[in-house]
């Protein structure tokens, strides 16, 4: 799936709003960072952190695990949230992107051959010279390497809602 509408609501002046929630994952493993190359959309042909859109009814941390497996064939575990990007695409669309720091669990690296035509680990030096790369991916990798990122960890204390559905809280 290439593009998914997450929420549609009536906004200002009755204009339909389409809001998106996306996730990305920064995997640093064996002294290298994992990037994938997109085959579609605004980032076609560019290197970017693996990730994608959150399915309706899916927690964001489950979404990054699923997207990572789909795009790279790797199993990962979220360590925590390291960045949130909010972007106004137009007057009726807000795009929110939540980025996780990830831990490698298992798997042999392989691109999906559909949305992603390449998946590769790069050293920091290679990332800094890489072109074309999505600027946010480069910023996040540089910030990680410079130890400028804080990690919001998933709270072990599970909060509750009035309908008793589980929430996931990052503090």
Protein backbone atom coordinates (compact mmCIF):
# COMPACT_ATOMS: atom_id res chain seq x y z
CA UNK A 1 0.00 0.00 0.00
CA UNK A 2 1.45 3.27 -1.08
CA UNK A 3 -0.76 5.90 0.53
CA UNK A 4 -3.27 5.52 3.29
CA UNK A 5 -5.78 8.02 4.63
CA UNK A 6 -5.78 7.81 8.39
CA UNK A 7 -8.46 10.29 9.40
CA UNK A 8 -11.07 12.24 7.50
CA UNK A 9 -13.10 14.88 9.27
CA UNK A 10 -14.95 18.08 8.56
CA UNK A 11 -12.55 20.91 9.26
CA UNK A 12 -12.72 24.66 8.86
CA UNK A 13 -15.56 25.86 6.67
CA UNK A 14 -16.74 22.28 6.06
CA UNK A 15 -13.56 21.37 4.12
CA UNK A 16 -12.78 17.66 4.34
CA UNK A 17 -9.53 17.08 6.18
CA UNK A 18 -7.25 14.14 5.48
CA UNK A 19 -4.68 13.61 8.19
CA UNK A 20 -1.84 11.08 8.03
CA UNK A 21 0.20 9.37 10.70
CA UNK A 22 3.48 7.91 9.57
CA UNK A 23 6.33 6.14 11.34
CA UNK A 24 10.02 5.85 10.60
CA UNK A 25 12.78 3.85 12.21
CA UNK A 26 16.42 4.62 12.83
CA UNK A 27 18.37 1.37 13.04
CA UNK A 28 22.04 1.68 13.97
CA UNK A 29 23.66 -1.73 13.83
CA UNK A 30 27.27 -2.87 13.33
CA UNK A 31 28.43 0.77 13.16
CA UNK A 32 26.06 1.55 10.27
CA UNK A 33 22.65 3.11 9.62
CA UNK A 34 19.95 1.43 7.55
CA UNK A 35 18.35 3.36 4.70
CA UNK A 36 15.98 2.29 1.93
CA UNK A 37 15.37 3.75 -1.52
CA UNK A 38 11.77 4.60 -2.46
CA UNK A 39 10.23 3.66 -5.83
CA UNK A 40 7.25 6.05 -5.69
CA UNK A 41 5.89 9.40 -4.51
CA UNK A 42 7.68 12.56 -3.47
CA UNK A 43 10.76 10.60 -2.34
CA UNK A 44 11.07 8.40 -5.44
CA UNK A 45 14.71 7.46 -5.98
CA UNK A 46 15.79 8.92 -2.63
CA UNK A 47 17.32 7.21 0.40
CA UNK A 48 15.20 7.44 3.54
CA UNK A 49 14.69 5.79 6.91
CA UNK A 50 12.42 2.74 6.57
CA UNK A 51 8.82 3.26 7.63
CA UNK A 52 5.34 3.99 6.40
CA UNK A 53 1.78 4.78 7.36
CA UNK A 54 0.00 3.62 10.48
CA UNK A 55 -3.01 1.41 9.76
CA UNK A 56 -6.33 2.37 11.29
CA UNK A 57 -6.57 0.76 14.75
CA UNK A 58 -2.81 0.11 14.92
CA UNK A 59 -0.43 1.40 17.61
CA UNK A 60 2.49 3.41 16.27
CA UNK A 61 5.12 1.05 17.71
CA UNK A 62 3.39 -1.94 16.11
CA UNK A 63 3.31 -0.04 12.81
CA UNK A 64 7.08 0.53 12.71
CA UNK A 65 7.77 -3.15 13.44
CA UNK A 66 5.35 -4.19 10.65
CA UNK A 67 6.66 -1.61 8.15
CA UNK A 68 10.27 -2.55 8.85
CA UNK A 69 9.53 -6.23 8.27
CA UNK A 70 7.63 -5.47 5.04
CA UNK A 71 10.30 -3.16 3.60
CA UNK A 72 13.55 -4.77 4.81
CA UNK A 73 12.73 -8.32 5.96
CA UNK A 74 14.25 -7.44 9.36
CA UNK A 75 12.66 -7.95 12.74
CA UNK A 76 13.25 -5.01 15.07
CA UNK A 77 12.16 -3.84 18.51
CA UNK A 78 11.35 -0.19 19.25
CA UNK A 79 13.59 1.31 21.94
CA UNK A 80 11.68 4.58 22.05
CA UNK A 81 10.56 7.69 20.21
CA UNK A 82 13.39 10.00 19.12
CA UNK A 83 11.58 12.56 16.95
CA UNK A 84 8.18 13.82 15.86
CA UNK A 85 7.71 15.83 12.68
CA UNK A 86 4.48 17.68 11.93
CA UNK A 87 3.91 19.03 8.43
CA UNK A 88 0.99 20.93 6.96
CA UNK A 89 0.70 19.55 3.43
CA UNK A 90 -2.14 21.94 2.51
CA UNK A 91 -5.15 23.59 4.19
CA UNK A 92 -6.91 20.23 4.56
CA UNK A 93 -4.06 17.86 5.39
CA UNK A 94 -1.73 17.50 8.36
CA UNK A 95 1.00 14.86 8.19
CA UNK A 96 2.52 13.62 11.47
CA UNK A 97 5.66 11.42 11.40
CA UNK A 98 6.89 9.63 14.53
CA UNK A 99 10.47 8.30 14.45
CA UNK A 100 11.68 5.42 16.63
CA UNK A 101 15.13 4.29 17.64
CA UNK A 102 15.21 0.55 16.92
CA UNK A 103 17.04 -2.55 18.08
CA UNK A 104 17.93 -5.27 15.55
CA UNK A 105 16.46 -8.68 16.50
CA UNK A 106 16.90 -10.94 13.45
CA UNK A 107 16.58 -11.33 9.71
CA UNK A 108 18.49 -11.08 6.45
CA UNK A 109 18.32 -7.66 4.81
CA UNK A 110 16.24 -7.68 1.61
CA UNK A 111 14.18 -4.90 0.01
CA UNK A 112 10.54 -5.65 -0.79
CA UNK A 113 11.13 -4.97 -4.51
CA UNK A 114 7.87 -3.03 -4.72
CA UNK A 115 7.84 0.15 -2.61
CA UNK A 116 11.56 -0.17 -1.95
CA UNK A 117 14.13 -1.11 -4.62
CA UNK A 118 17.17 -1.10 -2.33
CA UNK A 119 17.96 -1.48 1.37
CA UNK A 120 21.49 -0.89 2.59
CA UNK A 121 23.56 -0.10 5.67
CA UNK A 122 25.76 3.00 5.47
CA UNK A 123 28.46 4.35 7.78
CA UNK A 124 28.01 7.89 9.04
CA UNK A 125 30.64 9.11 6.57
CA UNK A 126 28.76 7.45 3.69
CA UNK A 127 25.43 8.95 4.83
CA UNK A 128 26.95 12.43 4.90
CA UNK A 129 28.07 12.02 1.25
CA UNK A 130 24.93 10.21 0.08
CA UNK A 131 22.86 11.86 -2.63
CA UNK A 132 19.94 11.86 -3.01
CA UNK A 133 18.85 11.43 0.59
CA UNK A 134 15.76 12.82 2.30
CA UNK A 135 17.05 15.76 4.39
CA UNK A 136 15.18 14.71 7.56
CA UNK A 137 16.81 11.25 7.44
CA UNK A 138 20.26 12.85 7.26
CA UNK A 139 19.42 15.27 10.10
CA UNK A 140 18.24 12.43 12.34
CA UNK A 141 21.29 10.28 11.62
CA UNK A 142 23.67 13.21 12.27
CA UNK A 143 21.85 14.09 15.49
CA UNK A 144 21.96 10.45 16.63
CA UNK A 145 25.69 10.20 15.89
CA UNK A 146 26.32 13.44 17.80
CA UNK A 147 24.28 12.08 20.74
CA UNK A 148 21.85 15.01 20.49
CA UNK A 149 18.67 12.91 20.54
CA UNK A 150 16.70 12.06 23.65
CA UNK A 151 14.65 8.90 23.75
CA UNK A 152 11.10 8.80 25.04
CA UNK A 153 10.73 5.27 26.41
CA UNK A 154 7.47 3.35 26.61
CA UNK A 155 6.10 3.60 30.12
CA UNK A 156 5.69 0.34 31.98
CA UNK A 157 2.69 1.82 33.76
CA UNK A 158 -0.28 1.20 31.46
CA UNK A 159 -2.79 4.04 31.63
CA UNK A 160 -6.47 3.42 30.99
CA UNK A 161 -9.27 5.01 29.07
CA UNK A 162 -12.96 5.17 29.89
CA UNK A 163 -13.65 2.34 27.42
CA UNK A 164 -10.79 0.28 28.97
CA UNK A 165 -8.71 0.09 25.82
CA UNK A 166 -4.98 -0.15 26.33
CA UNK A 167 -2.96 3.00 25.72
CA UNK A 168 0.75 3.16 25.05
CA UNK A 169 2.51 6.08 26.70
CA UNK A 170 6.05 7.33 25.94
CA UNK A 171 7.74 9.44 28.62
